[in-house]
C-alpha atoms as a PDB file:
ATOM      1  CA  MET A   1     -11.960 -52.182  44.787  1.00  0.00           C
ATOM      2  CA  ASP A   2     -14.815 -49.786  45.700  1.00  0.00           C
ATOM      3  CA  PHE A   3     -14.540 -45.992  45.600  1.00  0.00           C
ATOM      4  CA  ALA A   4     -13.922 -45.567  49.342  1.00  0.00           C
ATOM      5  CA  ALA A   5     -11.096 -48.108  49.350  1.00  0.00           C
ATOM      6  CA  ARG A   6      -9.515 -46.577  46.243  1.00  0.00           C
ATOM      7  CA  ILE A   7      -9.666 -43.083  47.752  1.00  0.00           C
ATOM      8  CA  ASP A   8      -8.256 -44.141  51.128  1.00  0.00           C
ATOM      9  CA  THR A   9      -5.458 -46.164  49.526  1.00  0.00           C
ATOM     10  CA  ALA A  10      -4.408 -43.235  47.330  1.00  0.00           C
ATOM     11  CA  ILE A  11      -4.508 -40.751  50.223  1.00  0.00           C
ATOM     12  CA  THR A  12      -2.612 -43.089  52.548  1.00  0.00           C
ATOM     13  CA  ARG A  13       0.089 -43.545  49.917  1.00  0.00           C
ATOM     14  CA  ALA A  14       0.453 -39.775  49.531  1.00  0.00           C
ATOM     15  CA  ILE A  15       0.653 -39.194  53.290  1.00  0.00           C
ATOM     16  CA  HIS A  16       3.261 -41.937  53.712  1.00  0.00           C
ATOM     17  CA  GLN A  17       5.388 -40.279  51.034  1.00  0.00           C
ATOM     18  CA  GLY A  18       5.061 -36.985  52.924  1.00  0.00           C
ATOM     19  CA  GLN A  19       6.193 -38.670  56.134  1.00  0.00           C
ATOM     20  CA  ALA A  20       9.351 -40.210  54.654  1.00  0.00           C
ATOM     21  CA  ARG A  21      12.353 -39.853  56.951  1.00  0.00           C
ATOM     22  CA  PRO A  22      14.117 -37.690  57.770  1.00  0.00           C
ATOM     23  CA  SER A  23      11.153 -35.414  58.417  1.00  0.00           C
ATOM     24  CA  PRO A  24       9.857 -33.386  61.383  1.00  0.00           C
ATOM     25  CA  ALA A  25       7.883 -35.869  63.459  1.00  0.00           C
ATOM     26  CA  LYS A  26       5.177 -33.514  64.704  1.00  0.00           C
ATOM     27  CA  LEU A  27       4.349 -32.209  61.250  1.00  0.00           C
ATOM     28  CA  ALA A  28       4.368 -35.762  59.909  1.00  0.00           C
ATOM     29  CA  SER A  29       1.880 -36.745  62.614  1.00  0.00           C
ATOM     30  CA  ALA A  30      -0.288 -33.721  61.861  1.00  0.00           C
ATOM     31  CA  LEU A  31      -0.573 -34.791  58.221  1.00  0.00           C
ATOM     32  CA  HIS A  32      -2.028 -38.153  59.231  1.00  0.00           C
ATOM     33  CA  TYR A  33      -4.229 -36.570  61.918  1.00  0.00           C
ATOM     34  CA  THR A  34      -5.759 -34.203  59.386  1.00  0.00           C
ATOM     35  CA  VAL A  35      -6.910 -36.792  56.858  1.00  0.00           C
ATOM     36  CA  THR A  36      -8.132 -39.414  59.378  1.00  0.00           C
ATOM     37  CA  PRO A  37     -10.876 -40.186  60.008  1.00  0.00           C
ATOM     38  CA  GLY A  38     -11.755 -39.191  56.502  1.00  0.00           C
ATOM     39  CA  GLY A  39     -15.317 -37.959  56.832  1.00  0.00           C
ATOM     40  CA  ALA A  40     -17.675 -38.701  53.949  1.00  0.00           C
ATOM     41  CA  ARG A  41     -15.066 -38.117  51.189  1.00  0.00           C
ATOM     42  CA  ILE A  42     -17.935 -36.619  49.176  1.00  0.00           C
ATOM     43  CA  ARG A  43     -15.849 -34.696  46.633  1.00  0.00           C
ATOM     44  CA  PRO A  44     -13.527 -37.532  45.604  1.00  0.00           C
ATOM     45  CA  SER A  45     -16.494 -39.912  45.532  1.00  0.00           C
ATOM     46  CA  ILE A  46     -18.278 -37.616  43.074  1.00  0.00           C
ATOM     47  CA  LEU A  47     -15.067 -37.427  41.030  1.00  0.00           C
ATOM     48  CA  MET A  48     -14.872 -41.207  40.845  1.00  0.00           C
ATOM     49  CA  SER A  49     -18.580 -41.487  40.063  1.00  0.00           C
ATOM     50  CA  VAL A  50     -18.187 -39.165  37.079  1.00  0.00           C
ATOM     51  CA  ALA A  51     -15.089 -41.043  35.916  1.00  0.00           C
ATOM     52  CA  ALA A  52     -16.987 -44.333  36.187  1.00  0.00           C
ATOM     53  CA  ALA A  53     -19.938 -42.870  34.295  1.00  0.00           C
ATOM     54  CA  CYS A  54     -17.524 -41.898  31.521  1.00  0.00           C
ATOM     55  CA  GLY A  55     -15.791 -45.284  31.378  1.00  0.00           C
ATOM     56  CA  ASP A  56     -12.906 -44.773  33.868  1.00  0.00           C
ATOM     57  CA  ARG A  57     -10.335 -45.568  31.194  1.00  0.00           C
ATOM     58  CA  THR A  58      -7.310 -44.689  33.366  1.00  0.00           C
ATOM     59  CA  PRO A  59      -8.078 -45.799  36.958  1.00  0.00           C
ATOM     60  CA  ASP A  60      -4.628 -44.870  38.293  1.00  0.00           C
ATOM     61  CA  LEU A  61      -5.112 -41.308  37.087  1.00  0.00           C
ATOM     62  CA  THR A  62      -8.601 -41.247  38.587  1.00  0.00           C
ATOM     63  CA  ASN A  63      -7.194 -42.424  41.922  1.00  0.00           C
ATOM     64  CA  ALA A  64      -4.562 -39.682  41.871  1.00  0.00           C
ATOM     65  CA  ALA A  65      -7.135 -37.035  40.972  1.00  0.00           C
ATOM     66  CA  ALA A  66      -9.435 -38.138  43.791  1.00  0.00           C
ATOM     67  CA  ALA A  67      -6.609 -38.103  46.341  1.00  0.00           C
ATOM     68  CA  ALA A  68      -5.392 -34.687  45.182  1.00  0.00           C
ATOM     69  CA  LEU A  69      -8.868 -33.198  45.460  1.00  0.00           C
ATOM     70  CA  GLU A  70      -9.406 -34.558  48.970  1.00  0.00           C
ATOM     71  CA  LEU A  71      -5.994 -33.309  50.105  1.00  0.00           C
ATOM     72  CA  ILE A  72      -6.930 -29.796  48.982  1.00  0.00           C
ATOM     73  CA  HIS A  73     -10.248 -30.071  50.798  1.00  0.00           C
ATOM     74  CA  CYS A  74      -8.535 -31.249  54.001  1.00  0.00           C
ATOM     75  CA  ALA A  75      -6.032 -28.399  53.737  1.00  0.00           C
ATOM     76  CA  SER A  76      -8.872 -25.903  53.445  1.00  0.00           C
ATOM     77  CA  LEU A  77     -10.487 -27.269  56.616  1.00  0.00           C
ATOM     78  CA  VAL A  78      -7.246 -26.864  58.568  1.00  0.00           C
ATOM     79  CA  HIS A  79      -6.935 -23.251  57.447  1.00  0.00           C
ATOM     80  CA  ASP A  80     -10.654 -22.498  57.942  1.00  0.00           C
ATOM     81  CA  ASP A  81     -10.447 -23.582  61.589  1.00  0.00           C
ATOM     82  CA  LEU A  82      -7.542 -21.235  62.441  1.00  0.00           C
ATOM     83  CA  PRO A  83      -8.188 -18.345  64.871  1.00  0.00           C
ATOM     84  CA  CYS A  84      -7.796 -15.816  62.046  1.00  0.00           C
ATOM     85  CA  PHE A  85     -10.787 -17.372  60.271  1.00  0.00           C
ATOM     86  CA  ASP A  86     -13.414 -19.476  62.087  1.00  0.00           C
ATOM     87  CA  ASP A  87     -11.441 -19.988  65.323  1.00  0.00           C
ATOM     88  CA  ALA A  88     -13.046 -23.429  65.616  1.00  0.00           C
ATOM     89  CA  ASP A  89     -12.011 -25.805  68.391  1.00  0.00           C
ATOM     90  CA  THR A  90     -13.292 -29.013  66.794  1.00  0.00           C
ATOM     91  CA  ARG A  91     -13.463 -30.654  63.377  1.00  0.00           C
ATOM     92  CA  ARG A  92     -14.961 -34.043  62.524  1.00  0.00           C
ATOM     93  CA  GLY A  93     -15.635 -34.656  66.201  1.00  0.00           C
ATOM     94  CA  LYS A  94     -12.075 -34.137  67.460  1.00  0.00           C
ATOM     95  CA  PRO A  95      -9.812 -31.152  68.270  1.00  0.00           C
ATOM     96  CA  ALA A  96      -9.010 -28.989  65.261  1.00  0.00           C
ATOM     97  CA  VAL A  97      -5.425 -29.293  64.042  1.00  0.00           C
ATOM     98  CA  HIS A  98      -4.354 -25.979  65.566  1.00  0.00           C
ATOM     99  CA  LYS A  99      -5.740 -27.133  68.926  1.00  0.00           C
ATOM    100  CA  ALA A 100      -3.989 -30.504  68.724  1.00  0.00           C
ATOM    101  CA  PHE A 101      -0.647 -29.326  67.317  1.00  0.00           C
ATOM    102  CA  GLY A 102      -0.547 -25.524  67.666  1.00  0.00           C
ATOM    103  CA  GLU A 103      -1.106 -22.762  65.123  1.00  0.00           C
ATOM    104  CA  PRO A 104       2.322 -22.832  63.402  1.00  0.00           C
ATOM    105  CA  LEU A 105       2.081 -26.550  62.663  1.00  0.00           C
ATOM    106  CA  ALA A 106      -1.533 -26.159  61.527  1.00  0.00           C
ATOM    107  CA  VAL A 107      -0.476 -23.556  58.945  1.00  0.00           C
ATOM    108  CA  LEU A 108       2.346 -25.813  57.784  1.00  0.00           C
ATOM    109  CA  THR A 109       0.026 -28.831  57.649  1.00  0.00           C
ATOM    110  CA  GLY A 110      -2.420 -27.033  55.379  1.00  0.00           C
ATOM    111  CA  ASP A 111       0.386 -25.730  53.185  1.00  0.00           C
ATOM    112  CA  SER A 112       1.993 -29.167  52.960  1.00  0.00           C
ATOM    113  CA  LEU A 113      -1.271 -30.822  51.924  1.00  0.00           C
ATOM    114  CA  ILE A 114      -1.785 -28.279  49.131  1.00  0.00           C
ATOM    115  CA  VAL A 115       1.684 -28.943  47.741  1.00  0.00           C
ATOM    116  CA  MET A 116       1.190 -32.680  48.200  1.00  0.00           C
ATOM    117  CA  ALA A 117      -1.963 -32.599  46.076  1.00  0.00           C
ATOM    118  CA  PHE A 118      -0.057 -31.314  43.071  1.00  0.00           C
ATOM    119  CA  GLU A 119       2.815 -33.743  43.699  1.00  0.00           C
ATOM    120  CA  VAL A 120       0.298 -36.604  43.530  1.00  0.00           C
ATOM    121  CA  LEU A 121      -0.911 -35.413  40.140  1.00  0.00           C
ATOM    122  CA  ALA A 122       2.636 -34.862  38.891  1.00  0.00           C
ATOM    123  CA  ARG A 123       3.591 -38.449  39.789  1.00  0.00           C
ATOM    124  CA  ALA A 124       0.492 -39.724  37.992  1.00  0.00           C
ATOM    125  CA  ALA A 125       1.494 -37.941  34.783  1.00  0.00           C
ATOM    126  CA  VAL A 126       3.263 -41.135  33.694  1.00  0.00           C
ATOM    127  CA  HIS A 127      -0.178 -42.570  32.888  1.00  0.00           C
ATOM    128  CA  ASP A 128      -1.168 -39.696  30.573  1.00  0.00           C
ATOM    129  CA  PRO A 129       0.884 -36.457  30.678  1.00  0.00           C
ATOM    130  CA  ALA A 130      -1.669 -34.302  28.854  1.00  0.00           C
ATOM    131  CA  GLN A 131      -4.549 -35.365  31.082  1.00  0.00           C
ATOM    132  CA  ALA A 132      -2.430 -34.911  34.219  1.00  0.00           C
ATOM    133  CA  VAL A 133      -1.560 -31.336  33.213  1.00  0.00           C
ATOM    134  CA  GLN A 134      -5.235 -30.586  32.622  1.00  0.00           C
ATOM    135  CA  LEU A 135      -6.084 -32.015  36.045  1.00  0.00           C
ATOM    136  CA  MET A 136      -3.488 -29.740  37.641  1.00  0.00           C
ATOM    137  CA  LEU A 137      -4.899 -26.707  35.858  1.00  0.00           C
ATOM    138  CA  ILE A 138      -8.447 -27.480  36.957  1.00  0.00           C
ATOM    139  CA  LEU A 139      -7.412 -28.076  40.566  1.00  0.00           C
ATOM    140  CA  GLY A 140      -5.292 -24.913  40.626  1.00  0.00           C
ATOM    141  CA  ASN A 141      -8.128 -22.850  39.170  1.00  0.00           C
ATOM    142  CA  ARG A 142     -10.627 -24.183  41.700  1.00  0.00           C
ATOM    143  CA  THR A 143      -8.235 -23.678  44.630  1.00  0.00           C
ATOM    144  CA  GLY A 144      -6.800 -20.188  44.138  1.00  0.00           C
ATOM    145  CA  MET A 145      -7.891 -16.849  42.681  1.00  0.00           C
ATOM    146  CA  PRO A 146     -10.122 -15.717  41.090  1.00  0.00           C
ATOM    147  CA  ASN A 147     -12.368 -18.793  40.909  1.00  0.00           C
ATOM    148  CA  GLY A 148     -11.320 -21.043  43.770  1.00  0.00           C
ATOM    149  CA  ILE A 149     -11.843 -21.604  47.459  1.00  0.00           C
ATOM    150  CA  CYS A 150      -9.352 -18.857  48.302  1.00  0.00           C
ATOM    151  CA  ALA A 151     -11.675 -16.427  46.540  1.00  0.00           C
ATOM    152  CA  GLY A 152     -14.558 -17.890  48.531  1.00  0.00           C
ATOM    153  CA  GLN A 153     -12.768 -17.149  51.793  1.00  0.00           C
ATOM    154  CA  GLY A 154     -11.896 -13.702  50.465  1.00  0.00           C
ATOM    155  CA  TRP A 155     -15.559 -12.815  49.950  1.00  0.00           C
ATOM    156  CA  GLU A 156     -15.968 -12.908  53.729  1.00  0.00           C
ATOM    157  CA  SER A 157     -13.777  -9.800  53.993  1.00  0.00           C
ATOM    158  CA  GLU A 158     -15.990  -7.772  51.644  1.00  0.00           C
ATOM    159  CA  THR A 159     -18.665  -5.336  52.834  1.00  0.00           C
ATOM    160  CA  GLU A 160     -21.054  -6.311  50.031  1.00  0.00           C
ATOM    161  CA  VAL A 161     -21.343  -9.955  49.041  1.00  0.00           C
ATOM    162  CA  ASP A 162     -22.973 -11.616  46.057  1.00  0.00           C
ATOM    163  CA  LEU A 163     -24.364 -14.741  47.765  1.00  0.00           C
ATOM    164  CA  ARG A 164     -24.378 -16.831  44.595  1.00  0.00           C
ATOM    165  CA  ALA A 165     -20.799 -15.862  43.699  1.00  0.00           C
ATOM    166  CA  TYR A 166     -19.719 -16.462  47.291  1.00  0.00           C
ATOM    167  CA  HIS A 167     -21.252 -19.939  47.364  1.00  0.00           C
ATOM    168  CA  ARG A 168     -19.858 -20.749  43.917  1.00  0.00           C
ATOM    169  CA  ALA A 169     -16.311 -20.025  45.078  1.00  0.00           C
ATOM    170  CA  LYS A 170     -16.382 -21.101  48.714  1.00  0.00           C
ATOM    171  CA  THR A 171     -18.130 -24.431  48.256  1.00  0.00           C
ATOM    172  CA  GLY A 172     -18.919 -24.879  44.591  1.00  0.00           C
ATOM    173  CA  ALA A 173     -15.313 -24.635  43.410  1.00  0.00           C
ATOM    174  CA  LEU A 174     -14.215 -28.053  44.645  1.00  0.00           C
ATOM    175  CA  PHE A 175     -17.426 -29.688  43.453  1.00  0.00           C
ATOM    176  CA  MET A 176     -16.808 -28.245  39.996  1.00  0.00           C
ATOM    177  CA  ALA A 177     -13.283 -29.594  40.286  1.00  0.00           C
ATOM    178  CA  ALA A 178     -14.747 -33.003  41.215  1.00  0.00           C
ATOM    179  CA  THR A 179     -17.011 -33.306  38.188  1.00  0.00           C
ATOM    180  CA  GLN A 180     -14.522 -31.819  35.730  1.00  0.00           C
ATOM    181  CA  MET A 181     -11.527 -33.800  37.029  1.00  0.00           C
ATOM    182  CA  GLY A 182     -13.550 -37.013  36.968  1.00  0.00           C
ATOM    183  CA  ALA A 183     -14.387 -36.423  33.313  1.00  0.00           C
ATOM    184  CA  VAL A 184     -10.807 -35.514  32.379  1.00  0.00           C
ATOM    185  CA  ALA A 185      -9.375 -38.542  34.200  1.00  0.00           C
ATOM    186  CA  ALA A 186     -11.656 -40.687  32.025  1.00  0.00           C
ATOM    187  CA  GLY A 187     -10.500 -38.949  28.861  1.00  0.00           C
ATOM    188  CA  GLU A 188     -13.521 -36.670  28.387  1.00  0.00           C
ATOM    189  CA  ASP A 189     -13.823 -32.902  27.943  1.00  0.00           C
ATOM    190  CA  ALA A 190     -14.120 -30.935  31.198  1.00  0.00           C
ATOM    191  CA  GLU A 191     -16.362 -28.076  30.059  1.00  0.00           C
ATOM    192  CA  PRO A 192     -19.731 -29.914  29.838  1.00  0.00           C
ATOM    193  CA  TRP A 193     -19.333 -31.068  33.443  1.00  0.00           C
ATOM    194  CA  GLU A 194     -18.938 -27.623  35.038  1.00  0.00           C
ATOM    195  CA  GLU A 195     -22.653 -26.940  35.534  1.00  0.00           C
ATOM    196  CA  LEU A 196     -23.258 -30.220  37.361  1.00  0.00           C
ATOM    197  CA  GLY A 197     -20.453 -29.474  39.812  1.00  0.00           C
ATOM    198  CA  ALA A 198     -21.612 -25.883  40.287  1.00  0.00           C
ATOM    199  CA  ARG A 199     -25.168 -26.963  41.085  1.00  0.00           C
ATOM    200  CA  ILE A 200     -24.089 -29.690  43.500  1.00  0.00           C
ATOM    201  CA  GLY A 201     -21.721 -27.266  45.212  1.00  0.00           C
ATOM    202  CA  GLU A 202     -24.392 -24.594  45.574  1.00  0.00           C
ATOM    203  CA  ALA A 203     -26.761 -27.138  47.088  1.00  0.00           C
ATOM    204  CA  PHE A 204     -24.119 -28.310  49.545  1.00  0.00           C
ATOM    205  CA  GLN A 205     -23.482 -24.731  50.671  1.00  0.00           C
ATOM    206  CA  VAL A 206     -27.179 -24.142  51.282  1.00  0.00           C
ATOM    207  CA  ALA A 207     -27.287 -27.432  53.195  1.00  0.00           C
ATOM    208  CA  ASP A 208     -24.261 -26.341  55.227  1.00  0.00           C
ATOM    209  CA  ASP A 209     -26.048 -23.091  56.087  1.00  0.00           C
ATOM    210  CA  LEU A 210     -29.029 -25.137  57.251  1.00  0.00           C
ATOM    211  CA  ARG A 211     -26.891 -27.459  59.367  1.00  0.00           C
ATOM    212  CA  ASP A 212     -25.143 -24.452  60.926  1.00  0.00           C
ATOM    213  CA  ALA A 213     -28.514 -23.004  61.895  1.00  0.00           C
ATOM    214  CA  LEU A 214     -30.350 -26.174  62.961  1.00  0.00           C
ATOM    215  CA  TYR A 215     -27.896 -28.726  64.363  1.00  0.00           C
ATOM    216  CA  ASP A 216     -25.940 -28.877  67.603  1.00  0.00           C
ATOM    217  CA  GLU A 217     -22.168 -29.250  67.835  1.00  0.00           C
ATOM    218  CA  GLU A 218     -22.309 -32.924  68.827  1.00  0.00           C
ATOM    219  CA  THR A 219     -24.386 -33.807  65.761  1.00  0.00           C
ATOM    220  CA  LEU A 220     -22.344 -31.678  63.379  1.00  0.00           C
ATOM    221  CA  GLY A 221     -18.874 -32.529  64.746  1.00  0.00           C
ATOM    222  CA  LYS A 222     -17.795 -28.874  64.625  1.00  0.00           C
ATOM    223  CA  PRO A 223     -18.945 -25.556  66.153  1.00  0.00           C
ATOM    224  CA  VAL A 224     -22.392 -24.347  65.089  1.00  0.00           C
ATOM    225  CA  GLY A 225     -23.826 -20.853  64.710  1.00  0.00           C
ATOM    226  CA  GLN A 226     -20.710 -19.708  62.884  1.00  0.00           C
ATOM    227  CA  ASP A 227     -22.602 -17.807  60.182  1.00  0.00           C
ATOM    228  CA  ASP A 228     -24.368 -15.586  62.711  1.00  0.00           C
ATOM    229  CA  LEU A 229     -21.260 -15.281  64.865  1.00  0.00           C
ATOM    230  CA  HIS A 230     -19.117 -14.044  61.969  1.00  0.00           C
ATOM    231  CA  GLY A 231     -21.874 -12.143  60.177  1.00  0.00           C
ATOM    232  CA  ARG A 232     -21.560 -14.235  57.024  1.00  0.00           C
ATOM    233  CA  PRO A 233     -24.049 -14.238  54.182  1.00  0.00           C
ATOM    234  CA  ASN A 234     -26.112 -17.410  54.269  1.00  0.00           C
ATOM    235  CA  ALA A 235     -29.176 -18.974  52.706  1.00  0.00           C
ATOM    236  CA  VAL A 236     -31.142 -19.276  55.958  1.00  0.00           C
ATOM    237  CA  THR A 237     -30.901 -15.540  56.532  1.00  0.00           C
ATOM    238  CA  GLU A 238     -31.898 -14.835  52.939  1.00  0.00           C
ATOM    239  CA  PHE A 239     -34.671 -17.417  52.434  1.00  0.00           C
ATOM    240  CA  GLY A 240     -35.664 -18.691  55.889  1.00  0.00           C
ATOM    241  CA  ILE A 241     -35.425 -22.383  56.810  1.00  0.00           C
ATOM    242  CA  GLU A 242     -38.306 -23.662  54.670  1.00  0.00           C
ATOM    243  CA  GLY A 243     -37.256 -21.449  51.773  1.00  0.00           C
ATOM    244  CA  ALA A 244     -33.640 -22.592  52.001  1.00  0.00           C
ATOM    245  CA  ILE A 245     -34.669 -26.265  51.952  1.00  0.00           C
ATOM    246  CA  GLY A 246     -36.861 -25.679  48.916  1.00  0.00           C
ATOM    247  CA  HIS A 247     -34.079 -23.728  47.216  1.00  0.00           C
ATOM    248  CA  MET A 248     -31.572 -26.520  47.848  1.00  0.00           C
ATOM    249  CA  ARG A 249     -33.838 -29.152  46.368  1.00  0.00           C
ATOM    250  CA  GLU A 250     -34.581 -27.001  43.317  1.00  0.00           C
ATOM    251  CA  ILE A 251     -30.846 -26.687  42.740  1.00  0.00           C
ATOM    252  CA  LEU A 252     -30.387 -30.465  42.900  1.00  0.00           C
ATOM    253  CA  THR A 253     -33.290 -31.030  40.517  1.00  0.00           C
ATOM    254  CA  GLY A 254     -31.460 -28.735  38.114  1.00  0.00           C
ATOM    255  CA  ALA A 255     -28.278 -30.692  38.745  1.00  0.00           C
ATOM    256  CA  ILE A 256     -29.927 -33.884  37.508  1.00  0.00           C
ATOM    257  CA  ALA A 257     -31.092 -32.121  34.376  1.00  0.00           C
ATOM    258  CA  SER A 258     -27.560 -30.832  33.717  1.00  0.00           C
ATOM    259  CA  ILE A 259     -25.850 -34.247  33.645  1.00  0.00           C
ATOM    260  CA  PRO A 260     -24.136 -34.620  30.247  1.00  0.00           C
ATOM    261  CA  LYS A 261     -24.986 -37.598  28.083  1.00  0.00           C
ATOM    262  CA  CYS A 262     -22.759 -40.518  29.096  1.00  0.00           C
ATOM    263  CA  PRO A 263     -23.019 -44.284  29.715  1.00  0.00           C
ATOM    264  CA  GLY A 264     -23.519 -43.741  33.445  1.00  0.00           C
ATOM    265  CA  GLU A 265     -26.058 -40.907  33.251  1.00  0.00           C
ATOM    266  CA  ALA A 266     -28.772 -42.825  35.145  1.00  0.00           C
ATOM    267  CA  MET A 267     -26.305 -43.796  37.882  1.00  0.00           C
ATOM    268  CA  LEU A 268     -25.311 -40.160  38.390  1.00  0.00           C
ATOM    269  CA  ALA A 269     -28.965 -39.095  38.580  1.00  0.00           C
ATOM    270  CA  LYS A 270     -29.497 -41.630  41.375  1.00  0.00           C
ATOM    271  CA  LEU A 271     -26.389 -40.325  43.155  1.00  0.00           C
ATOM    272  CA  VAL A 272     -27.663 -36.730  43.100  1.00  0.00           C
ATOM    273  CA  THR A 273     -31.116 -37.858  44.286  1.00  0.00           C
ATOM    274  CA  ALA A 274     -29.526 -39.749  47.178  1.00  0.00           C
ATOM    275  CA  GLN A 275     -27.533 -36.664  48.132  1.00  0.00           C
ATOM    276  CA  ALA A 276     -30.749 -34.619  48.221  1.00  0.00           C
ATOM    277  CA  GLU A 277     -32.119 -37.024  50.816  1.00  0.00           C
ATOM    278  CA  VAL A 278     -28.942 -36.897  52.888  1.00  0.00           C
ATOM    279  CA  LEU A 279     -28.698 -33.102  52.766  1.00  0.00           C
ATOM    280  CA  THR A 280     -32.318 -32.393  53.722  1.00  0.00           C
ATOM    281  CA  PRO A 281     -32.526 -31.852  57.521  1.00  0.00           C
ATOM    282  CA  ILE A 282     -34.006 -34.916  59.204  1.00  0.00           C
ATOM    283  CA  LYS A 283     -37.220 -33.207  60.340  1.00  0.00           C
ATOM    284  CA  TRP A 284     -38.138 -32.348  56.734  1.00  0.00           C
ATOM    285  CA  ARG A 285     -37.092 -35.543  54.921  1.00  0.00           C
ATOM    286  CA  ALA A 286     -40.346 -37.469  55.149  1.00  0.00           C
ATOM    287  CA  SER A 287     -42.416 -34.582  53.781  1.00  0.00           C
ATOM    288  CA  GLN A 288     -40.108 -33.606  50.927  1.00  0.00           C
ATOM    289  CA  GLN A 289     -39.223 -36.552  48.732  1.00  0.00           C
ATOM    290  CA  MET A 290     -37.380 -35.957  45.464  1.00  0.00           C
ATOM    291  CA  THR A 291     -37.216 -38.166  42.412  1.00  0.00           C
ATOM    292  CA  PRO A 292     -35.255 -37.818  39.149  1.00  0.00           C
ATOM    293  CA  GLY A 293     -36.992 -35.490  36.735  1.00  0.00           C
ATOM    294  CA  GLU A 294     -39.260 -34.047  39.451  1.00  0.00           C
END
């Protein structure tokens, strides 16, 4: 079974458990609506890639970790789109959850997915209790305060913002969770994998800033111009478009160099290189090729 199928199967199983009757039908529907279609599933795919590079000794635990991480990510999107934050009407090319189901159910959907993520990991503890506990700790740390995506959202309420710290929490946190959880699920130490996740996350945030500035809503599948609208710190404002693209690619070059020694090191380097190509805005791709070790 390939990564995408493993991720979708694990997420579908978790959602079905959350929809068990008796349960409120609208909230049950909102759970399914939120996770489908699934988008690129980038974070759980990175998690599984790291696990595979490290031997993937406990696939069931890897599956649970990947599903838990994606559920947290989906929850964060539901909350981000609420009127009190981005006030976004669309997400992944369809109405945002609060537009489709109303604000109260959107809040409950996000909350339910967060709890569900930790339930998934708790159920998987039968495969290796110690590793499951470590996975919960990593996911909790990268979700809440002071190091997680909640902290990232909190930076937007500050008058002075450290752009690197903001990006590290808002976007980098779940990428660090992806690399560290993938290693732990395969029985490896989490610490050496933090830098890789941090660098990938920083690059993705810069790329997101570029997409927000350059793409239209139809292409992006969500409202654009949000950084300027909400006065957020962003890489395009700081570096300009060309500078931001160069900065993103420098970060990903560093990411390749940071990959810990493991059986799948070359595979991970190819994965990061492929992401650099995907993240670079289309107009600039042909003129800015990147190769491992460049």
